[in-house]
Amino acid sequence: EVSSYGEIFTDLGFKNVKAVDVTNLFVECLEAELKKMD
């Protein structure tokens, strides 16, 4: 999950960790790719 993935960075000592679900952008990109392929 996005939050669990972000925790890996925190556990490794990284600071200012941001873990954001951008699935909506992924869906937009997939739809654009399908349109372009057509």
PDB file of all heavy atoms in Angstrom:
ATOM      1  N   GLU A   1       0.851  -1.175   0.000  1.00  0.00           N
ATOM      2  CA  GLU A   1       0.000   0.000   0.000  1.00  0.00           C
ATOM      3  C   GLU A   1       0.899   1.241   0.000  1.00  0.00           C
ATOM      4  O   GLU A   1       2.044   1.187   0.462  1.00  0.00           O
ATOM      5  CB  GLU A   1      -0.907  -0.003   1.222  1.00  0.00           C
ATOM      6  CG  GLU A   1      -1.931  -1.133   1.179  1.00  0.00           C
ATOM      7  CD  GLU A   1      -2.825  -1.160   2.393  1.00  0.00           C
ATOM      8  OE1 GLU A   1      -3.392  -0.091   2.721  1.00  0.00           O
ATOM      9  OE2 GLU A   1      -2.939  -2.231   3.011  1.00  0.00           O
ATOM     10  N   VAL A   2       0.389   2.339  -0.520  1.00  0.00           N
ATOM     11  CA  VAL A   2       1.192   3.562  -0.639  1.00  0.00           C
ATOM     12  C   VAL A   2       1.784   3.960   0.707  1.00  0.00           C
ATOM     13  O   VAL A   2       2.977   4.267   0.811  1.00  0.00           O
ATOM     14  CB  VAL A   2       0.353   4.705  -1.255  1.00  0.00           C
ATOM     15  CG1 VAL A   2       1.117   6.020  -1.231  1.00  0.00           C
ATOM     16  CG2 VAL A   2      -0.081   4.352  -2.677  1.00  0.00           C
ATOM     17  N   SER A   3       0.985   3.949   1.750  1.00  0.00           N
ATOM     18  CA  SER A   3       1.490   4.370   3.066  1.00  0.00           C
ATOM     19  C   SER A   3       2.590   3.432   3.570  1.00  0.00           C
ATOM     20  O   SER A   3       3.586   3.889   4.136  1.00  0.00           O
ATOM     21  CB  SER A   3       0.344   4.447   4.075  1.00  0.00           C
ATOM     22  OG  SER A   3      -0.283   3.184   4.209  1.00  0.00           O
ATOM     23  N   SER A   4       2.427   2.127   3.362  1.00  0.00           N
ATOM     24  CA  SER A   4       3.447   1.159   3.791  1.00  0.00           C
ATOM     25  C   SER A   4       4.742   1.353   3.023  1.00  0.00           C
ATOM     26  O   SER A   4       5.836   1.230   3.583  1.00  0.00           O
ATOM     27  CB  SER A   4       2.948  -0.270   3.584  1.00  0.00           C
ATOM     28  OG  SER A   4       1.829  -0.511   4.375  1.00  0.00           O
ATOM     29  N   TYR A   5       4.625   1.650   1.749  1.00  0.00           N
ATOM     30  CA  TYR A   5       5.805   1.913   0.918  1.00  0.00           C
ATOM     31  C   TYR A   5       6.534   3.138   1.467  1.00  0.00           C
ATOM     32  O   TYR A   5       7.762   3.138   1.616  1.00  0.00           O
ATOM     33  CB  TYR A   5       5.349   2.143  -0.513  1.00  0.00           C
ATOM     34  CG  TYR A   5       6.391   2.031  -1.594  1.00  0.00           C
ATOM     35  CD1 TYR A   5       6.203   1.189  -2.682  1.00  0.00           C
ATOM     36  CD2 TYR A   5       7.547   2.803  -1.586  1.00  0.00           C
ATOM     37  CE1 TYR A   5       7.127   1.112  -3.710  1.00  0.00           C
ATOM     38  CE2 TYR A   5       8.471   2.733  -2.608  1.00  0.00           C
ATOM     39  CZ  TYR A   5       8.257   1.885  -3.670  1.00  0.00           C
ATOM     40  OH  TYR A   5       9.182   1.816  -4.690  1.00  0.00           O
ATOM     41  N   GLY A   6       5.794   4.185   1.798  1.00  0.00           N
ATOM     42  CA  GLY A   6       6.407   5.392   2.349  1.00  0.00           C
ATOM     43  C   GLY A   6       7.108   5.137   3.670  1.00  0.00           C
ATOM     44  O   GLY A   6       8.153   5.740   3.964  1.00  0.00           O
ATOM     45  N   GLU A   7       6.554   4.218   4.472  1.00  0.00           N
ATOM     46  CA  GLU A   7       7.163   3.895   5.762  1.00  0.00           C
ATOM     47  C   GLU A   7       8.553   3.284   5.606  1.00  0.00           C
ATOM     48  O   GLU A   7       9.390   3.406   6.505  1.00  0.00           O
ATOM     49  CB  GLU A   7       6.259   2.948   6.547  1.00  0.00           C
ATOM     50  CG  GLU A   7       5.010   3.627   7.064  1.00  0.00           C
ATOM     51  CD  GLU A   7       4.007   2.648   7.664  1.00  0.00           C
ATOM     52  OE1 GLU A   7       4.327   1.448   7.818  1.00  0.00           O
ATOM     53  OE2 GLU A   7       2.896   3.115   7.980  1.00  0.00           O
ATOM     54  N   ILE A   8       8.807   2.653   4.479  1.00  0.00           N
ATOM     55  CA  ILE A   8      10.142   2.097   4.234  1.00  0.00           C
ATOM     56  C   ILE A   8      11.184   3.212   4.292  1.00  0.00           C
ATOM     57  O   ILE A   8      12.243   3.053   4.905  1.00  0.00           O
ATOM     58  CB  ILE A   8      10.196   1.369   2.871  1.00  0.00           C
ATOM     59  CG1 ILE A   8       9.301   0.129   2.896  1.00  0.00           C
ATOM     60  CG2 ILE A   8      11.628   1.004   2.501  1.00  0.00           C
ATOM     61  CD1 ILE A   8       9.092  -0.511   1.528  1.00  0.00           C
ATOM     62  N   PHE A   9      10.875   4.346   3.673  1.00  0.00           N
ATOM     63  CA  PHE A   9      11.816   5.471   3.672  1.00  0.00           C
ATOM     64  C   PHE A   9      12.003   6.030   5.084  1.00  0.00           C
ATOM     65  O   PHE A   9      13.118   6.345   5.496  1.00  0.00           O
ATOM     66  CB  PHE A   9      11.355   6.558   2.709  1.00  0.00           C
ATOM     67  CG  PHE A   9      11.385   6.141   1.269  1.00  0.00           C
ATOM     68  CD1 PHE A   9      10.208   5.881   0.579  1.00  0.00           C
ATOM     69  CD2 PHE A   9      12.589   5.990   0.604  1.00  0.00           C
ATOM     70  CE1 PHE A   9      10.237   5.479  -0.744  1.00  0.00           C
ATOM     71  CE2 PHE A   9      12.634   5.597  -0.716  1.00  0.00           C
ATOM     72  CZ  PHE A   9      11.446   5.340  -1.395  1.00  0.00           C
ATOM     73  N   THR A  10      10.900   6.140   5.824  1.00  0.00           N
ATOM     74  CA  THR A  10      10.988   6.620   7.206  1.00  0.00           C
ATOM     75  C   THR A  10      11.851   5.680   8.036  1.00  0.00           C
ATOM     76  O   THR A  10      12.732   6.122   8.779  1.00  0.00           O
ATOM     77  CB  THR A  10       9.578   6.728   7.821  1.00  0.00           C
ATOM     78  OG1 THR A  10       8.796   7.617   7.016  1.00  0.00           O
ATOM     79  CG2 THR A  10       9.632   7.254   9.238  1.00  0.00           C
ATOM     80  N   ASP A  11      11.621   4.379   7.881  1.00  0.00           N
ATOM     81  CA  ASP A  11      12.395   3.384   8.626  1.00  0.00           C
ATOM     82  C   ASP A  11      13.881   3.423   8.273  1.00  0.00           C
ATOM     83  O   ASP A  11      14.730   3.059   9.100  1.00  0.00           O
ATOM     84  CB  ASP A  11      11.848   1.975   8.373  1.00  0.00           C
ATOM     85  CG  ASP A  11      10.460   1.771   8.953  1.00  0.00           C
ATOM     86  OD1 ASP A  11      10.023   2.592   9.790  1.00  0.00           O
ATOM     87  OD2 ASP A  11       9.803   0.783   8.562  1.00  0.00           O
ATOM     88  N   LEU A  12      14.200   3.856   7.072  1.00  0.00           N
ATOM     89  CA  LEU A  12      15.591   3.965   6.642  1.00  0.00           C
ATOM     90  C   LEU A  12      16.237   5.282   7.070  1.00  0.00           C
ATOM     91  O   LEU A  12      17.399   5.546   6.754  1.00  0.00           O
ATOM     92  CB  LEU A  12      15.691   3.810   5.122  1.00  0.00           C
ATOM     93  CG  LEU A  12      15.387   2.411   4.584  1.00  0.00           C
ATOM     94  CD1 LEU A  12      15.297   2.431   3.068  1.00  0.00           C
ATOM     95  CD2 LEU A  12      16.460   1.432   5.045  1.00  0.00           C
ATOM     96  N   GLY A  13      15.479   6.120   7.783  1.00  0.00           N
ATOM     97  CA  GLY A  13      16.032   7.356   8.311  1.00  0.00           C
ATOM     98  C   GLY A  13      15.854   8.577   7.426  1.00  0.00           C
ATOM     99  O   GLY A  13      16.446   9.625   7.696  1.00  0.00           O
ATOM    100  N   PHE A  14      15.065   8.464   6.384  1.00  0.00           N
ATOM    101  CA  PHE A  14      14.821   9.631   5.531  1.00  0.00           C
ATOM    102  C   PHE A  14      13.869  10.599   6.231  1.00  0.00           C
ATOM    103  O   PHE A  14      13.069  10.212   7.078  1.00  0.00           O
ATOM    104  CB  PHE A  14      14.255   9.205   4.181  1.00  0.00           C
ATOM    105  CG  PHE A  14      15.277   8.571   3.279  1.00  0.00           C
ATOM    106  CD1 PHE A  14      15.501   7.197   3.310  1.00  0.00           C
ATOM    107  CD2 PHE A  14      16.029   9.343   2.404  1.00  0.00           C
ATOM    108  CE1 PHE A  14      16.447   6.606   2.491  1.00  0.00           C
ATOM    109  CE2 PHE A  14      16.983   8.763   1.585  1.00  0.00           C
ATOM    110  CZ  PHE A  14      17.195   7.389   1.627  1.00  0.00           C
ATOM    111  N   LYS A  15      13.963  11.859   5.869  1.00  0.00           N
ATOM    112  CA  LYS A  15      13.147  12.929   6.457  1.00  0.00           C
ATOM    113  C   LYS A  15      12.178  13.466   5.408  1.00  0.00           C
ATOM    114  O   LYS A  15      12.355  13.262   4.218  1.00  0.00           O
ATOM    115  CB  LYS A  15      14.047  14.080   6.946  1.00  0.00           C
ATOM    116  CG  LYS A  15      15.183  13.654   7.852  1.00  0.00           C
ATOM    117  CD  LYS A  15      14.686  13.345   9.240  1.00  0.00           C
ATOM    118  CE  LYS A  15      15.870  13.073  10.150  1.00  0.00           C
ATOM    119  NZ  LYS A  15      15.868  11.769  10.734  1.00  0.00           N
ATOM    120  N   ASN A  16      11.197  14.217   5.870  1.00  0.00           N
ATOM    121  CA  ASN A  16      10.221  14.858   4.987  1.00  0.00           C
ATOM    122  C   ASN A  16       9.632  13.865   3.973  1.00  0.00           C
ATOM    123  O   ASN A  16       9.493  14.174   2.793  1.00  0.00           O
ATOM    124  CB  ASN A  16      10.837  16.055   4.254  1.00  0.00           C
ATOM    125  CG  ASN A  16      11.319  17.116   5.221  1.00  0.00           C
ATOM    126  OD1 ASN A  16      10.669  17.393   6.226  1.00  0.00           O
ATOM    127  ND2 ASN A  16      12.469  17.692   4.943  1.00  0.00           N
ATOM    128  N   VAL A  17       9.318  12.680   4.470  1.00  0.00           N
ATOM    129  CA  VAL A  17       8.786  11.633   3.600  1.00  0.00           C
ATOM    130  C   VAL A  17       7.359  11.974   3.194  1.00  0.00           C
ATOM    131  O   VAL A  17       6.514  12.288   4.032  1.00  0.00           O
ATOM    132  CB  VAL A  17       8.831  10.255   4.309  1.00  0.00           C
ATOM    133  CG1 VAL A  17       8.181   9.196   3.449  1.00  0.00           C
ATOM    134  CG2 VAL A  17      10.268   9.887   4.659  1.00  0.00           C
ATOM    135  N   LYS A  18       7.129  11.933   1.896  1.00  0.00           N
ATOM    136  CA  LYS A  18       5.787  12.133   1.353  1.00  0.00           C
ATOM    137  C   LYS A  18       5.447  10.900   0.513  1.00  0.00           C
ATOM    138  O   LYS A  18       6.202  10.531  -0.381  1.00  0.00           O
ATOM    139  CB  LYS A  18       5.727  13.394   0.516  1.00  0.00           C
ATOM    140  CG  LYS A  18       5.892  14.664   1.334  1.00  0.00           C
ATOM    141  CD  LYS A  18       5.882  15.899   0.466  1.00  0.00           C
ATOM    142  CE  LYS A  18       6.053  17.172   1.246  1.00  0.00           C
ATOM    143  NZ  LYS A  18       7.146  17.239   2.173  1.00  0.00           N
ATOM    144  N   ALA A  19       4.326  10.276   0.831  1.00  0.00           N
ATOM    145  CA  ALA A  19       3.831   9.118   0.083  1.00  0.00           C
ATOM    146  C   ALA A  19       2.414   9.465  -0.347  1.00  0.00           C
ATOM    147  O   ALA A  19       1.521   9.608   0.486  1.00  0.00           O
ATOM    148  CB  ALA A  19       3.849   7.872   0.961  1.00  0.00           C
ATOM    149  N   VAL A  20       2.216   9.623  -1.653  1.00  0.00           N
ATOM    150  CA  VAL A  20       0.947  10.119  -2.172  1.00  0.00           C
ATOM    151  C   VAL A  20       0.368   9.123  -3.164  1.00  0.00           C
ATOM    152  O   VAL A  20       1.061   8.673  -4.087  1.00  0.00           O
ATOM    153  CB  VAL A  20       1.146  11.491  -2.870  1.00  0.00           C
ATOM    154  CG1 VAL A  20      -0.176  12.040  -3.377  1.00  0.00           C
ATOM    155  CG2 VAL A  20       1.822  12.475  -1.928  1.00  0.00           C
ATOM    156  N   ASP A  21      -0.894   8.803  -2.997  1.00  0.00           N
ATOM    157  CA  ASP A  21      -1.601   7.938  -3.939  1.00  0.00           C
ATOM    158  C   ASP A  21      -1.986   8.786  -5.154  1.00  0.00           C
ATOM    159  O   ASP A  21      -2.782   9.713  -5.043  1.00  0.00           O
ATOM    160  CB  ASP A  21      -2.849   7.367  -3.268  1.00  0.00           C
ATOM    161  CG  ASP A  21      -3.634   6.419  -4.155  1.00  0.00           C
ATOM    162  OD1 ASP A  21      -3.487   6.470  -5.401  1.00  0.00           O
ATOM    163  OD2 ASP A  21      -4.421   5.635  -3.605  1.00  0.00           O
ATOM    164  N   VAL A  22      -1.379   8.486  -6.288  1.00  0.00           N
ATOM    165  CA  VAL A  22      -1.673   9.217  -7.523  1.00  0.00           C
ATOM    166  C   VAL A  22      -2.297   8.281  -8.571  1.00  0.00           C
ATOM    167  O   VAL A  22      -2.068   8.437  -9.766  1.00  0.00           O
ATOM    168  CB  VAL A  22      -0.414   9.937  -8.081  1.00  0.00           C
ATOM    169  CG1 VAL A  22       0.000  11.081  -7.176  1.00  0.00           C
ATOM    170  CG2 VAL A  22       0.728   8.965  -8.290  1.00  0.00           C
ATOM    171  N   THR A  23      -3.091   7.349  -8.086  1.00  0.00           N
ATOM    172  CA  THR A  23      -3.750   6.405  -8.982  1.00  0.00           C
ATOM    173  C   THR A  23      -4.616   7.129  -9.998  1.00  0.00           C
ATOM    174  O   THR A  23      -4.693   6.708 -11.158  1.00  0.00           O
ATOM    175  CB  THR A  23      -4.581   5.385  -8.173  1.00  0.00           C
ATOM    176  OG1 THR A  23      -3.728   4.757  -7.214  1.00  0.00           O
ATOM    177  CG2 THR A  23      -5.198   4.332  -9.074  1.00  0.00           C
ATOM    178  N   ASN A  24      -5.242   8.230  -9.594  1.00  0.00           N
ATOM    179  CA  ASN A  24      -6.072   8.988 -10.537  1.00  0.00           C
ATOM    180  C   ASN A  24      -5.244   9.467 -11.736  1.00  0.00           C
ATOM    181  O   ASN A  24      -5.709   9.434 -12.882  1.00  0.00           O
ATOM    182  CB  ASN A  24      -6.760  10.162  -9.843  1.00  0.00           C
ATOM    183  CG  ASN A  24      -5.776  11.139  -9.212  1.00  0.00           C
ATOM    184  OD1 ASN A  24      -4.648  10.795  -8.871  1.00  0.00           O
ATOM    185  ND2 ASN A  24      -6.209  12.365  -9.035  1.00  0.00           N
ATOM    186  N   LEU A  25      -4.010   9.871 -11.501  1.00  0.00           N
ATOM    187  CA  LEU A  25      -3.127  10.292 -12.592  1.00  0.00           C
ATOM    188  C   LEU A  25      -2.739   9.095 -13.458  1.00  0.00           C
ATOM    189  O   LEU A  25      -2.676   9.192 -14.689  1.00  0.00           O
ATOM    190  CB  LEU A  25      -1.881  10.974 -12.028  1.00  0.00           C
ATOM    191  CG  LEU A  25      -0.842  11.455 -13.033  1.00  0.00           C
ATOM    192  CD1 LEU A  25      -1.445  12.477 -13.989  1.00  0.00           C
ATOM    193  CD2 LEU A  25       0.348  12.056 -12.308  1.00  0.00           C
ATOM    194  N   PHE A  26      -2.487   7.962 -12.833  1.00  0.00           N
ATOM    195  CA  PHE A  26      -2.169   6.729 -13.540  1.00  0.00           C
ATOM    196  C   PHE A  26      -3.318   6.350 -14.475  1.00  0.00           C
ATOM    197  O   PHE A  26      -3.105   6.018 -15.648  1.00  0.00           O
ATOM    198  CB  PHE A  26      -1.901   5.626 -12.512  1.00  0.00           C
ATOM    199  CG  PHE A  26      -1.488   4.295 -13.076  1.00  0.00           C
ATOM    200  CD1 PHE A  26      -0.495   4.195 -14.033  1.00  0.00           C
ATOM    201  CD2 PHE A  26      -2.074   3.135 -12.614  1.00  0.00           C
ATOM    202  CE1 PHE A  26      -0.096   2.950 -14.528  1.00  0.00           C
ATOM    203  CE2 PHE A  26      -1.683   1.889 -13.090  1.00  0.00           C
ATOM    204  CZ  PHE A  26      -0.699   1.803 -14.053  1.00  0.00           C
ATOM    205  N   VAL A  27      -4.544   6.434 -13.970  1.00  0.00           N
ATOM    206  CA  VAL A  27      -5.723   6.119 -14.777  1.00  0.00           C
ATOM    207  C   VAL A  27      -5.824   7.085 -15.966  1.00  0.00           C
ATOM    208  O   VAL A  27      -6.073   6.656 -17.096  1.00  0.00           O
ATOM    209  CB  VAL A  27      -7.004   6.148 -13.916  1.00  0.00           C
ATOM    210  CG1 VAL A  27      -8.266   6.151 -14.772  1.00  0.00           C
ATOM    211  CG2 VAL A  27      -7.016   4.969 -12.948  1.00  0.00           C
ATOM    212  N   GLU A  28      -5.599   8.365 -15.723  1.00  0.00           N
ATOM    213  CA  GLU A  28      -5.623   9.349 -16.812  1.00  0.00           C
ATOM    214  C   GLU A  28      -4.577   9.016 -17.875  1.00  0.00           C
ATOM    215  O   GLU A  28      -4.848   9.125 -19.076  1.00  0.00           O
ATOM    216  CB  GLU A  28      -5.372  10.757 -16.268  1.00  0.00           C
ATOM    217  CG  GLU A  28      -6.517  11.334 -15.488  1.00  0.00           C
ATOM    218  CD  GLU A  28      -6.185  12.697 -14.895  1.00  0.00           C
ATOM    219  OE1 GLU A  28      -5.238  13.372 -15.366  1.00  0.00           O
ATOM    220  OE2 GLU A  28      -6.874  13.096 -13.934  1.00  0.00           O
ATOM    221  N   CYS A  29      -3.401   8.619 -17.443  1.00  0.00           N
ATOM    222  CA  CYS A  29      -2.330   8.267 -18.385  1.00  0.00           C
ATOM    223  C   CYS A  29      -2.690   7.025 -19.191  1.00  0.00           C
ATOM    224  O   CYS A  29      -2.470   6.978 -20.405  1.00  0.00           O
ATOM    225  CB  CYS A  29      -1.009   8.044 -17.647  1.00  0.00           C
ATOM    226  SG  CYS A  29      -0.282   9.537 -16.968  1.00  0.00           S
ATOM    227  N   LEU A  30      -3.237   6.016 -18.525  1.00  0.00           N
ATOM    228  CA  LEU A  30      -3.651   4.804 -19.234  1.00  0.00           C
ATOM    229  C   LEU A  30      -4.727   5.116 -20.269  1.00  0.00           C
ATOM    230  O   LEU A  30      -4.665   4.628 -21.408  1.00  0.00           O
ATOM    231  CB  LEU A  30      -4.172   3.761 -18.238  1.00  0.00           C
ATOM    232  CG  LEU A  30      -3.129   3.117 -17.331  1.00  0.00           C
ATOM    233  CD1 LEU A  30      -3.814   2.354 -16.204  1.00  0.00           C
ATOM    234  CD2 LEU A  30      -2.214   2.199 -18.127  1.00  0.00           C
ATOM    235  N   GLU A  31      -5.694   5.926 -19.891  1.00  0.00           N
ATOM    236  CA  GLU A  31      -6.765   6.301 -20.832  1.00  0.00           C
ATOM    237  C   GLU A  31      -6.204   7.082 -22.013  1.00  0.00           C
ATOM    238  O   GLU A  31      -6.615   6.866 -23.154  1.00  0.00           O
ATOM    239  CB  GLU A  31      -7.850   7.085 -20.104  1.00  0.00           C
ATOM    240  CG  GLU A  31      -8.650   6.213 -19.152  1.00  0.00           C
ATOM    241  CD  GLU A  31      -9.612   6.991 -18.253  1.00  0.00           C
ATOM    242  OE1 GLU A  31      -9.457   8.232 -18.120  1.00  0.00           O
ATOM    243  OE2 GLU A  31     -10.500   6.338 -17.666  1.00  0.00           O
ATOM    244  N   ALA A  32      -5.251   7.961 -21.753  1.00  0.00           N
ATOM    245  CA  ALA A  32      -4.615   8.729 -22.826  1.00  0.00           C
ATOM    246  C   ALA A  32      -3.820   7.804 -23.753  1.00  0.00           C
ATOM    247  O   ALA A  32      -3.841   7.979 -24.987  1.00  0.00           O
ATOM    248  CB  ALA A  32      -3.713   9.815 -22.246  1.00  0.00           C
ATOM    249  N   GLU A  33      -3.123   6.834 -23.182  1.00  0.00           N
ATOM    250  CA  GLU A  33      -2.360   5.882 -23.990  1.00  0.00           C
ATOM    251  C   GLU A  33      -3.291   5.051 -24.878  1.00  0.00           C
ATOM    252  O   GLU A  33      -2.979   4.802 -26.044  1.00  0.00           O
ATOM    253  CB  GLU A  33      -1.518   4.964 -23.094  1.00  0.00           C
ATOM    254  CG  GLU A  33      -0.370   5.661 -22.405  1.00  0.00           C
ATOM    255  CD  GLU A  33       0.698   6.156 -23.355  1.00  0.00           C
ATOM    256  OE1 GLU A  33       0.891   5.579 -24.440  1.00  0.00           O
ATOM    257  OE2 GLU A  33       1.355   7.154 -23.021  1.00  0.00           O
ATOM    258  N   LEU A  34      -4.410   4.619 -24.323  1.00  0.00           N
ATOM    259  CA  LEU A  34      -5.371   3.850 -25.116  1.00  0.00           C
ATOM    260  C   LEU A  34      -5.916   4.675 -26.279  1.00  0.00           C
ATOM    261  O   LEU A  34      -6.041   4.180 -27.405  1.00  0.00           O
ATOM    262  CB  LEU A  34      -6.509   3.345 -24.227  1.00  0.00           C
ATOM    263  CG  LEU A  34      -6.155   2.185 -23.315  1.00  0.00           C
ATOM    264  CD1 LEU A  34      -7.245   1.969 -22.273  1.00  0.00           C
ATOM    265  CD2 LEU A  34      -5.931   0.916 -24.127  1.00  0.00           C
ATOM    266  N   LYS A  35      -6.225   5.920 -26.003  1.00  0.00           N
ATOM    267  CA  LYS A  35      -6.733   6.811 -27.058  1.00  0.00           C
ATOM    268  C   LYS A  35      -5.675   7.004 -28.144  1.00  0.00           C
ATOM    269  O   LYS A  35      -5.960   6.932 -29.338  1.00  0.00           O
ATOM    270  CB  LYS A  35      -7.142   8.159 -26.464  1.00  0.00           C
ATOM    271  CG  LYS A  35      -7.739   9.109 -27.469  1.00  0.00           C
ATOM    272  CD  LYS A  35      -8.165  10.414 -26.834  1.00  0.00           C
ATOM    273  CE  LYS A  35      -8.764  11.300 -27.907  1.00  0.00           C
ATOM    274  NZ  LYS A  35      -8.625  12.698 -27.630  1.00  0.00           N
ATOM    275  N   LYS A  36      -4.443   7.237 -27.718  1.00  0.00           N
ATOM    276  CA  LYS A  36      -3.347   7.452 -28.671  1.00  0.00           C
ATOM    277  C   LYS A  36      -3.096   6.196 -29.506  1.00  0.00           C
ATOM    278  O   LYS A  36      -2.875   6.289 -30.718  1.00  0.00           O
ATOM    279  CB  LYS A  36      -2.066   7.858 -27.914  1.00  0.00           C
ATOM    280  CG  LYS A  36      -0.911   8.208 -28.812  1.00  0.00           C
ATOM    281  CD  LYS A  36      -1.188   9.475 -29.580  1.00  0.00           C
ATOM    282  CE  LYS A  36       0.010   9.906 -30.369  1.00  0.00           C
ATOM    283  NZ  LYS A  36      -0.265  11.065 -31.210  1.00  0.00           N
ATOM    284  N   MET A  37      -3.142   5.031 -28.872  1.00  0.00           N
ATOM    285  CA  MET A  37      -2.932   3.783 -29.612  1.00  0.00           C
ATOM    286  C   MET A  37      -3.991   3.605 -30.687  1.00  0.00           C
ATOM    287  O   MET A  37      -3.690   3.138 -31.790  1.00  0.00           O
ATOM    288  CB  MET A  37      -2.926   2.579 -28.668  1.00  0.00           C
ATOM    289  CG  MET A  37      -1.636   2.434 -27.898  1.00  0.00           C
ATOM    290  SD  MET A  37      -0.175   2.190 -28.951  1.00  0.00           S
ATOM    291  CE  MET A  37      -0.300   0.439 -29.273  1.00  0.00           C
ATOM    292  N   ASP A  38      -5.210   3.974 -30.361  1.00  0.00           N
ATOM    293  CA  ASP A  38      -6.286   3.878 -31.347  1.00  0.00           C
ATOM    294  C   ASP A  38      -5.994   4.802 -32.539  1.00  0.00           C
ATOM    295  O   ASP A  38      -6.215   4.427 -33.687  1.00  0.00           O
ATOM    296  CB  ASP A  38      -7.625   4.239 -30.701  1.00  0.00           C
ATOM    297  CG  ASP A  38      -8.802   3.966 -31.604  1.00  0.00           C
ATOM    298  OD1 ASP A  38      -8.871   2.858 -32.182  1.00  0.00           O
ATOM    299  OD2 ASP A  38      -9.660   4.865 -31.742  1.00  0.00           O
TER     300      ASP A  38
END
